[in-house]
């Protein structure tokens, strides 16, 4: 799949947090990449999807979105103590939408 097809295939049905910006302007690439690194510090392997500051027009508004998708290992919920090699591989994502005076994070 192409990157565009991967993005169109995502179902973002989780809650999002909305923040009003203190300063006008777009978020910096360094800030977004640093946020992605911190959020995915336990990731295994490379990002499955990593798009930063993609310009898009939505409902007659210019927005920028950034998204990363990654794998991480976690102890299954049905065991009490961690057992070597008994880890689940899970997927996680972080999406940041930058528009007007607001930022949405999901």
Protein backbone atom coordinates (compact mmCIF):
# COMPACT_ATOMS: atom_id res chain seq x y z
CA UNK A 1 0.00 0.00 0.00
CA UNK A 2 1.13 3.54 -0.62
CA UNK A 3 1.42 5.99 2.27
CA UNK A 4 -1.75 7.74 1.10
CA UNK A 5 -3.64 4.41 1.02
CA UNK A 6 -2.38 3.55 4.51
CA UNK A 7 -3.63 6.87 5.85
CA UNK A 8 -7.03 6.50 4.17
CA UNK A 9 -7.33 3.01 5.67
CA UNK A 10 -6.94 4.24 9.27
CA UNK A 11 -10.01 4.44 11.48
CA UNK A 12 -9.39 7.11 14.10
CA UNK A 13 -12.32 6.51 16.41
CA UNK A 14 -10.63 7.28 19.71
CA UNK A 15 -11.11 10.43 21.70
CA UNK A 16 -8.98 13.44 20.95
CA UNK A 17 -7.71 16.21 23.16
CA UNK A 18 -8.03 19.78 21.92
CA UNK A 19 -5.69 22.55 23.01
CA UNK A 20 -5.72 26.27 22.32
CA UNK A 21 -2.29 27.52 21.27
CA UNK A 22 -0.50 30.05 23.42
CA UNK A 23 1.30 31.48 20.39
CA UNK A 24 0.06 31.82 16.83
CA UNK A 25 1.65 29.76 14.08
CA UNK A 26 2.23 26.12 13.28
CA UNK A 27 3.99 23.58 15.47
CA UNK A 28 7.63 23.02 14.53
CA UNK A 29 8.89 19.86 12.88
CA UNK A 30 11.37 19.38 15.75
CA UNK A 31 8.59 19.56 18.36
CA UNK A 32 6.46 17.00 16.52
CA UNK A 33 9.35 14.61 15.90
CA UNK A 34 10.42 14.91 19.56
CA UNK A 35 6.86 14.17 20.68
CA UNK A 36 6.76 11.10 18.44
CA UNK A 37 10.10 9.88 19.87
CA UNK A 38 8.89 10.30 23.46
CA UNK A 39 5.54 8.63 22.79
CA UNK A 40 7.15 5.66 21.04
CA UNK A 41 10.24 5.12 23.20
CA UNK A 42 9.26 1.47 23.78
CA UNK A 43 8.61 0.76 20.11
CA UNK A 44 10.04 -2.30 18.45
CA UNK A 45 11.49 -1.81 15.00
CA UNK A 46 10.86 1.13 12.74
CA UNK A 47 7.74 3.24 12.46
CA UNK A 48 5.11 1.54 10.33
CA UNK A 49 3.92 5.00 9.30
CA UNK A 50 5.61 8.32 10.04
CA UNK A 51 4.29 11.48 8.38
CA UNK A 52 5.19 14.91 9.76
CA UNK A 53 3.57 18.25 8.86
CA UNK A 54 1.45 17.09 5.92
CA UNK A 55 -0.63 19.96 4.53
CA UNK A 56 -4.26 19.14 3.83
CA UNK A 57 -7.48 21.05 3.13
CA UNK A 58 -10.46 19.89 5.19
CA UNK A 59 -13.88 21.56 5.33
CA UNK A 60 -12.46 24.68 3.65
CA UNK A 61 -9.72 24.95 6.28
CA UNK A 62 -6.00 24.52 5.80
CA UNK A 63 -4.62 22.06 8.35
CA UNK A 64 -1.39 20.22 8.97
CA UNK A 65 -1.42 16.71 10.35
CA UNK A 66 1.29 14.44 11.61
CA UNK A 67 0.91 10.76 12.41
CA UNK A 68 3.07 7.89 13.54
CA UNK A 69 2.14 4.21 13.88
CA UNK A 70 4.43 1.78 15.67
CA UNK A 71 4.67 -1.66 17.28
CA UNK A 72 5.49 -2.34 20.94
CA UNK A 73 5.65 -5.44 23.13
CA UNK A 74 3.52 -5.82 26.26
CA UNK A 75 2.83 -8.48 28.86
CA UNK A 76 -0.54 -10.15 28.17
CA UNK A 77 -3.31 -9.17 30.56
CA UNK A 78 -4.08 -12.79 31.43
CA UNK A 79 -0.77 -13.48 33.21
CA UNK A 80 0.24 -12.05 36.58
CA UNK A 81 4.04 -12.04 36.40
CA UNK A 82 6.06 -11.40 33.29
CA UNK A 83 7.30 -14.55 31.54
CA UNK A 84 10.20 -14.36 29.08
CA UNK A 85 8.96 -14.59 25.48
CA UNK A 86 5.31 -14.26 26.54
CA UNK A 87 4.75 -10.79 25.13
CA UNK A 88 2.04 -9.54 22.85
CA UNK A 89 2.91 -7.31 19.93
CA UNK A 90 0.56 -4.35 19.87
CA UNK A 91 0.13 -1.39 17.56
CA UNK A 92 -0.24 2.20 18.64
CA UNK A 93 -0.58 5.53 16.92
CA UNK A 94 -0.30 9.21 17.68
CA UNK A 95 -1.91 11.82 15.48
CA UNK A 96 -1.49 15.59 15.80
CA UNK A 97 -3.70 17.99 13.84
CA UNK A 98 -2.59 21.63 13.71
CA UNK A 99 -5.27 24.12 12.62
CA UNK A 100 -6.08 27.78 13.25
CA UNK A 101 -5.32 28.51 16.90
CA UNK A 102 -5.80 24.90 18.01
CA UNK A 103 -4.04 21.55 18.17
CA UNK A 104 -5.86 18.22 18.38
CA UNK A 105 -4.01 15.17 19.68
CA UNK A 106 -5.31 11.63 19.44
